[in-house]
Amino acid sequence: MEFKIYQCLADLSKKLYAASNDLSENYSVCWQNSSYLTEAIVSDIQSITNEACFVTNVSYYLEDTTYRQGASGCILEIKFNQGDEFTITAECLIDYGKVMLRVKQSSSDSKYNAISEMIEAKYSSEYKTELRELEKLLPTRLSAASKE
């Protein structure tokens, strides 16, 4: 299974490089594609967690030398329940087609422990997990883990 977000990032990268070098125009291109990105990441996260989720915040970084050595990036905050503090972030490096997940805020509800553990188990030295690392996990495995 190929996650949808990767195609969205490839498409956005092409649009950014096809646009002018005008920074405000490039930000406009990003915001015009926000719903495309949010729908893709929600679909991808739901496919591996078997839980409904939604995006609460989107941020873009373009030509910012303090962010990932000037890479173009998009950070999406994702929640599973408005009333719960459990939040994960998806950091998307547009230029490189990478998506890294991390648990931003743990939950007090054990319902979300399996999701946290799945993400944290694959953490790199940056305390982030590449989304592709989770591709092999099936919702049934995650559901079985949450019942334990």
Protein backbone atom coordinates (compact mmCIF):
# COMPACT_ATOMS: atom_id res chain seq x y z
CA MET A 1 0.00 0.00 0.00
CA GLU A 2 1.38 3.42 -0.89
CA PHE A 3 0.35 6.26 1.35
CA LYS A 4 -1.51 9.09 -0.39
CA ILE A 5 0.49 11.84 1.31
CA TYR A 6 3.61 11.00 -0.69
CA GLN A 7 1.87 11.69 -4.01
CA CYS A 8 0.48 14.94 -2.58
CA LEU A 9 3.97 16.05 -1.57
CA ALA A 10 5.36 15.20 -5.03
CA ASP A 11 2.55 17.19 -6.67
CA LEU A 12 3.04 20.14 -4.32
CA SER A 13 6.79 20.12 -4.89
CA LYS A 14 6.25 20.31 -8.67
CA LYS A 15 3.79 23.19 -8.23
CA LEU A 16 6.20 25.09 -5.98
CA TYR A 17 9.07 24.77 -8.42
CA ALA A 18 6.80 25.67 -11.34
CA ALA A 19 5.65 28.81 -9.54
CA SER A 20 7.72 31.94 -9.51
CA ASN A 21 10.45 32.62 -6.98
CA ASP A 22 8.04 34.92 -5.18
CA LEU A 23 7.76 33.68 -1.59
CA SER A 24 4.22 34.94 -1.04
CA GLU A 25 3.08 33.22 -4.24
CA ASN A 26 4.69 29.97 -3.08
CA TYR A 27 2.92 30.22 0.29
CA SER A 28 -0.32 30.79 -1.61
CA VAL A 29 0.30 27.59 -3.61
CA CYS A 30 0.82 25.72 -0.34
CA TRP A 31 -2.37 27.03 1.24
CA GLN A 32 -4.35 26.24 -1.92
CA ASN A 33 -3.21 22.63 -1.53
CA SER A 34 -3.83 22.36 2.22
CA SER A 35 -7.11 20.46 1.94
CA TYR A 36 -5.45 17.98 -0.45
CA LEU A 37 -2.65 17.38 2.08
CA THR A 38 -4.93 17.16 5.11
CA GLU A 39 -7.31 14.72 3.42
CA ALA A 40 -4.37 12.53 2.40
CA ILE A 41 -2.71 12.43 5.83
CA VAL A 42 -6.03 11.76 7.57
CA SER A 43 -6.72 8.88 5.19
CA ASP A 44 -3.21 7.47 5.67
CA ILE A 45 -3.27 7.72 9.47
CA GLN A 46 -6.72 6.16 9.62
CA SER A 47 -5.54 3.31 7.40
CA ILE A 48 -2.84 2.31 9.89
CA THR A 49 -4.63 3.12 13.16
CA ASN A 50 -8.18 2.10 12.28
CA GLU A 51 -9.29 5.22 14.21
CA ALA A 52 -10.99 8.37 12.92
CA CYS A 53 -8.77 11.45 13.17
CA PHE A 54 -8.67 15.07 12.02
CA VAL A 55 -6.12 17.83 11.45
CA THR A 56 -6.19 20.71 13.93
CA ASN A 57 -3.30 22.83 12.67
CA VAL A 58 -1.22 23.26 9.52
CA SER A 59 2.03 25.26 9.28
CA TYR A 60 4.32 25.83 6.30
CA TYR A 61 8.02 26.66 6.21
CA LEU A 62 9.45 27.95 2.94
CA GLU A 63 12.92 29.41 2.42
CA ASP A 64 13.47 29.48 6.17
CA THR A 65 17.14 28.72 6.84
CA THR A 66 16.38 27.96 10.50
CA TYR A 67 14.05 25.13 9.46
CA ARG A 68 15.75 21.95 8.25
CA GLN A 69 18.53 23.80 6.41
CA GLY A 70 16.05 25.69 4.27
CA ALA A 71 13.92 22.72 3.17
CA SER A 72 10.27 23.36 2.37
CA GLY A 73 8.10 21.84 5.06
CA CYS A 74 4.57 21.37 6.23
CA ILE A 75 3.68 20.39 9.79
CA LEU A 76 0.23 19.00 10.50
CA GLU A 77 -1.15 18.39 13.98
CA ILE A 78 -3.54 15.46 14.19
CA LYS A 79 -6.02 14.56 16.92
CA PHE A 80 -8.30 11.58 17.38
CA ASN A 81 -10.75 13.10 19.84
CA GLN A 82 -11.39 16.79 20.45
CA GLY A 83 -11.87 16.15 24.16
CA ASP A 84 -8.57 14.29 24.58
CA GLU A 85 -5.10 15.82 24.61
CA PHE A 86 -3.59 13.03 22.47
CA THR A 87 -1.90 14.70 19.49
CA ILE A 88 0.54 13.52 16.86
CA THR A 89 2.41 15.66 14.37
CA ALA A 90 3.25 14.83 10.79
CA GLU A 91 6.29 16.75 9.58
CA CYS A 92 6.35 16.66 5.79
CA LEU A 93 9.51 17.62 3.94
CA ILE A 94 8.04 18.74 0.63
CA ASP A 95 11.35 18.82 -1.28
CA TYR A 96 12.35 15.34 -0.13
CA GLY A 97 9.00 13.56 -0.04
CA LYS A 98 9.45 12.53 3.60
CA VAL A 99 6.80 12.28 6.28
CA MET A 100 7.85 11.90 9.90
CA LEU A 101 5.45 11.27 12.75
CA ARG A 102 5.88 11.91 16.44
CA VAL A 103 3.66 11.86 19.48
CA LYS A 104 3.34 15.48 20.52
CA GLN A 105 1.06 14.91 23.50
CA SER A 106 0.30 11.57 25.13
CA SER A 107 -3.19 10.59 26.15
CA SER A 108 -4.52 9.69 29.56
CA ASP A 109 -6.98 7.38 27.77
CA SER A 110 -5.50 3.92 27.28
CA LYS A 111 -7.51 3.67 24.04
CA TYR A 112 -4.70 5.56 22.27
CA ASN A 113 -1.76 3.71 23.85
CA ALA A 114 -1.40 1.32 20.90
CA ILE A 115 -1.12 4.25 18.47
CA SER A 116 1.51 5.97 20.63
CA GLU A 117 3.47 2.76 21.04
CA MET A 118 3.35 2.02 17.31
CA ILE A 119 4.82 5.44 16.47
CA GLU A 120 7.32 5.57 19.32
CA ALA A 121 8.60 2.02 18.67
CA LYS A 122 10.07 3.17 15.34
CA TYR A 123 11.54 6.48 16.54
CA SER A 124 14.79 7.62 15.00
CA SER A 125 17.44 9.57 16.88
CA GLU A 126 15.27 12.66 16.27
CA TYR A 127 12.34 11.04 18.10
CA LYS A 128 10.35 10.80 14.88
CA THR A 129 9.13 7.85 12.82
CA GLU A 130 9.11 7.86 9.03
CA LEU A 131 5.54 7.10 7.91
CA ARG A 132 6.81 4.48 5.46
CA GLU A 133 8.14 2.50 8.45
CA LEU A 134 4.53 1.91 9.47
CA GLU A 135 3.39 0.78 6.04
CA LYS A 136 3.67 -2.89 6.90
CA LEU A 137 1.42 -2.61 9.94
CA LEU A 138 -2.15 -3.65 9.44
CA PRO A 139 -5.10 -2.20 11.36
CA THR A 140 -5.82 -5.69 12.70
CA ARG A 141 -2.39 -5.84 14.37
CA LEU A 142 -2.94 -2.46 15.97
CA SER A 143 -6.46 -3.41 17.06
CA ALA A 144 -5.14 -6.62 18.59
CA ALA A 145 -2.45 -4.68 20.46
CA SER A 146 -4.97 -2.25 21.93
CA LYS A 147 -7.05 -5.14 23.35
CA GLU A 148 -4.10 -6.46 25.38
